[in-house]
């Protein structure tokens, strides 16, 4: 196998973050890939991570262990619609869907052109992926195992968001707290 070209400095920044968290991981040196699993609070329970280090970027992939059945056209259509609805409005990353085998993933990206990613950048990319599977994972399993329609599944997943923000007005501190719970406040939720 030919060695991939990637930034050793970016790889060291990722490795340092993972070691500081005491997370078990594999690093495929020839490919510049970090691999590890992360437990989450969802019916999915665990996602597989692949962090792909390049010369000027870092791509974080979270891969769902639950796939849509590629032979079931209706399930594939519902999952596609569900993931498109989930992606609407996302600013950091997106769900991806492989129409060949039904694989579902979430991808986020860090531009490292001319700079190294901070520990906070790496953390946010990893935790954002976990947060998205925690928010939408039950919808994925509902389509696969309970024949939910995409609209039903997305309503189920986004209802807690509507309830959190249903008060007439939230002050700035309440908005920051809600945002931290949704995106970054996973310290007590993500289990290693």
Protein backbone atom coordinates (compact mmCIF):
# COMPACT_ATOMS: atom_id res chain seq x y z
CA UNK A 1 0.00 0.00 0.00
CA UNK A 2 1.31 3.41 -0.99
CA UNK A 3 1.74 5.86 1.88
CA UNK A 4 -0.78 8.70 1.83
CA UNK A 5 0.52 12.23 2.19
CA UNK A 6 -0.77 14.06 5.22
CA UNK A 7 0.41 16.59 7.78
CA UNK A 8 2.27 15.00 10.69
CA UNK A 9 1.57 18.14 12.73
CA UNK A 10 -2.19 17.85 12.21
CA UNK A 11 -2.01 14.13 13.05
CA UNK A 12 -0.12 14.95 16.27
CA UNK A 13 -2.80 17.51 17.24
CA UNK A 14 -5.53 14.86 16.83
CA UNK A 15 -3.47 12.23 18.64
CA UNK A 16 -2.83 14.60 21.55
CA UNK A 17 -6.56 15.30 21.93
CA UNK A 18 -7.47 11.60 21.84
CA UNK A 19 -4.73 10.72 24.35
CA UNK A 20 -5.79 13.53 26.71
CA UNK A 21 -9.29 12.03 26.69
CA UNK A 22 -7.81 8.56 27.36
CA UNK A 23 -9.70 7.22 24.36
CA UNK A 24 -8.56 4.01 22.73
CA UNK A 25 -7.83 4.47 19.03
CA UNK A 26 -5.87 3.03 16.16
CA UNK A 27 -3.76 5.17 13.86
CA UNK A 28 -3.14 3.83 10.38
CA UNK A 29 0.12 5.63 9.66
CA UNK A 30 0.31 4.81 5.95
CA UNK A 31 -3.17 6.23 5.36
CA UNK A 32 -3.24 9.04 7.94
CA UNK A 33 -6.43 7.65 9.52
CA UNK A 34 -7.51 7.52 13.16
CA UNK A 35 -10.18 4.94 14.02
CA UNK A 36 -12.16 4.53 17.24
CA UNK A 37 -15.67 3.87 18.56
CA UNK A 38 -17.75 6.16 20.76
CA UNK A 39 -20.81 5.22 22.83
CA UNK A 40 -23.73 7.63 22.64
CA UNK A 41 -27.14 8.08 24.27
CA UNK A 42 -29.36 6.79 21.48
CA UNK A 43 -30.89 3.54 20.30
CA UNK A 44 -27.88 3.35 17.99
CA UNK A 45 -25.63 3.07 21.10
CA UNK A 46 -22.24 3.36 19.36
CA UNK A 47 -20.78 5.01 16.30
CA UNK A 48 -17.52 4.29 14.53
CA UNK A 49 -15.24 7.23 13.89
CA UNK A 50 -12.69 7.70 11.13
CA UNK A 51 -10.62 10.88 11.23
CA UNK A 52 -8.93 11.44 7.89
CA UNK A 53 -5.85 13.67 8.14
CA UNK A 54 -4.76 15.48 4.98
CA UNK A 55 -2.10 18.12 4.31
CA UNK A 56 -4.43 21.06 4.86
CA UNK A 57 -7.64 19.63 6.28
CA UNK A 58 -9.14 17.23 8.74
CA UNK A 59 -12.31 15.29 7.98
CA UNK A 60 -14.24 13.57 10.78
CA UNK A 61 -16.59 10.76 9.79
CA UNK A 62 -19.08 9.13 12.15
CA UNK A 63 -20.44 5.88 10.75
CA UNK A 64 -23.74 4.46 11.99
CA UNK A 65 -23.85 0.70 12.66
CA UNK A 66 -27.49 0.64 11.49
CA UNK A 67 -27.94 0.65 7.72
CA UNK A 68 -31.05 1.01 5.61
CA UNK A 69 -31.86 -2.14 3.61
CA UNK A 70 -30.63 -1.37 0.10
CA UNK A 71 -33.10 -3.94 -1.32
CA UNK A 72 -36.08 -2.14 0.24
CA UNK A 73 -36.83 0.78 -2.10
CA UNK A 74 -39.40 2.35 0.22
CA UNK A 75 -37.03 2.26 3.21
CA UNK A 76 -34.24 3.76 1.11
CA UNK A 77 -36.56 6.56 -0.07
CA UNK A 78 -37.76 7.30 3.48
CA UNK A 79 -34.19 7.32 4.85
CA UNK A 80 -33.02 9.61 2.07
CA UNK A 81 -35.82 12.07 2.77
CA UNK A 82 -35.23 11.86 6.53
CA UNK A 83 -31.51 12.62 6.19
CA UNK A 84 -32.19 15.49 3.79
CA UNK A 85 -34.65 16.95 6.29
CA UNK A 86 -32.13 16.48 9.12
CA UNK A 87 -29.43 18.23 7.07
CA UNK A 88 -31.60 21.29 6.46
CA UNK A 89 -30.07 24.19 8.35
CA UNK A 90 -27.03 22.34 9.71
CA UNK A 91 -23.98 24.58 9.75
CA UNK A 92 -21.22 22.19 10.83
CA UNK A 93 -21.30 18.97 8.89
CA UNK A 94 -23.93 16.88 7.19
CA UNK A 95 -25.42 13.42 7.08
CA UNK A 96 -24.36 11.26 4.15
CA UNK A 97 -26.20 8.28 2.68
CA UNK A 98 -24.73 5.56 0.49
CA UNK A 99 -27.40 4.44 -1.98
CA UNK A 100 -25.39 1.30 -2.83
CA UNK A 101 -25.40 -0.32 0.62
CA UNK A 102 -27.61 1.88 2.85
CA UNK A 103 -24.71 3.11 5.02
CA UNK A 104 -25.41 6.27 7.01
CA UNK A 105 -22.71 8.62 8.20
CA UNK A 106 -22.10 12.12 9.42
CA UNK A 107 -19.17 14.19 8.15
CA UNK A 108 -17.61 17.33 9.55
CA UNK A 109 -14.59 19.24 8.32
CA UNK A 110 -11.82 21.45 9.70
CA UNK A 111 -9.89 23.72 7.34
CA UNK A 112 -6.24 23.57 8.43
CA UNK A 113 -4.73 25.57 5.58
CA UNK A 114 -1.88 27.50 7.16
CA UNK A 115 -2.76 26.56 10.75
CA UNK A 116 -3.13 23.62 13.10
CA UNK A 117 -6.51 22.68 14.56
CA UNK A 118 -6.88 23.52 18.23
CA UNK A 119 -7.98 20.90 20.74
CA UNK A 120 -11.33 22.76 20.80
CA UNK A 121 -11.67 22.40 16.99
CA UNK A 122 -11.02 18.66 17.18
CA UNK A 123 -13.39 18.27 20.14
CA UNK A 124 -16.18 20.19 18.41
CA UNK A 125 -15.95 18.06 15.26
CA UNK A 126 -16.05 14.81 17.23
CA UNK A 127 -18.77 15.94 19.64
CA UNK A 128 -20.88 17.53 16.90
CA UNK A 129 -20.99 14.17 15.14
CA UNK A 130 -22.06 12.45 18.37
CA UNK A 131 -24.68 15.14 19.02
CA UNK A 132 -26.20 14.66 15.57
CA UNK A 133 -26.53 10.90 16.05
CA UNK A 134 -27.98 11.45 19.52
CA UNK A 135 -30.51 13.91 18.08
CA UNK A 136 -31.44 11.90 14.96
CA UNK A 137 -30.43 8.31 15.78
CA UNK A 138 -33.85 7.28 17.07
CA UNK A 139 -35.36 8.50 13.79
CA UNK A 140 -32.92 6.34 11.84
CA UNK A 141 -33.83 3.26 13.87
CA UNK A 142 -37.55 4.05 13.62
CA UNK A 143 -37.38 4.03 9.82
CA UNK A 144 -35.30 0.84 9.70
CA UNK A 145 -37.08 -1.19 12.37
CA UNK A 146 -40.58 0.32 12.70
CA UNK A 147 -41.41 1.45 9.15
CA UNK A 148 -41.77 5.11 10.11
CA UNK A 149 -42.23 7.65 7.36
CA UNK A 150 -39.51 10.30 7.07
CA UNK A 151 -41.86 13.08 8.23
CA UNK A 152 -42.89 11.08 11.32
CA UNK A 153 -39.28 10.29 12.20
CA UNK A 154 -38.07 13.87 11.78
CA UNK A 155 -40.99 15.20 13.84
CA UNK A 156 -40.09 12.76 16.62
CA UNK A 157 -36.42 13.83 16.57
CA UNK A 158 -37.02 17.56 16.37
CA UNK A 159 -39.92 17.75 18.82
CA UNK A 160 -37.56 18.08 21.80
CA UNK A 161 -35.94 21.06 20.05
CA UNK A 162 -39.31 22.75 19.60
CA UNK A 163 -40.15 22.12 23.25
CA UNK A 164 -36.82 23.60 24.40
CA UNK A 165 -37.46 26.79 22.45
CA UNK A 166 -41.24 27.04 22.82
CA UNK A 167 -41.19 29.69 25.55
CA UNK A 168 -42.13 33.13 24.27
CA UNK A 169 -38.63 34.48 24.73
CA UNK A 170 -35.40 33.09 26.06
CA UNK A 171 -32.76 35.39 27.45
CA UNK A 172 -29.19 35.18 26.16
CA UNK A 173 -27.98 32.96 29.03
CA UNK A 174 -30.81 30.46 28.39
CA UNK A 175 -29.99 30.39 24.67
CA UNK A 176 -26.30 29.76 25.40
CA UNK A 177 -27.19 26.98 27.84
CA UNK A 178 -29.53 25.31 25.33
CA UNK A 179 -26.88 25.55 22.60
CA UNK A 180 -24.24 24.06 24.90
CA UNK A 181 -26.54 21.13 25.69
CA UNK A 182 -27.26 20.52 22.01
CA UNK A 183 -23.82 20.87 20.48
CA UNK A 184 -21.02 21.06 22.94
CA UNK A 185 -22.28 20.01 26.32
CA UNK A 186 -21.87 16.30 25.85
CA UNK A 187 -19.29 15.76 28.59
CA UNK A 188 -21.71 13.75 30.73
CA UNK A 189 -23.53 12.18 27.79
CA UNK A 190 -20.72 10.81 25.65
CA UNK A 191 -19.46 7.60 27.19
CA UNK A 192 -16.04 6.22 26.41
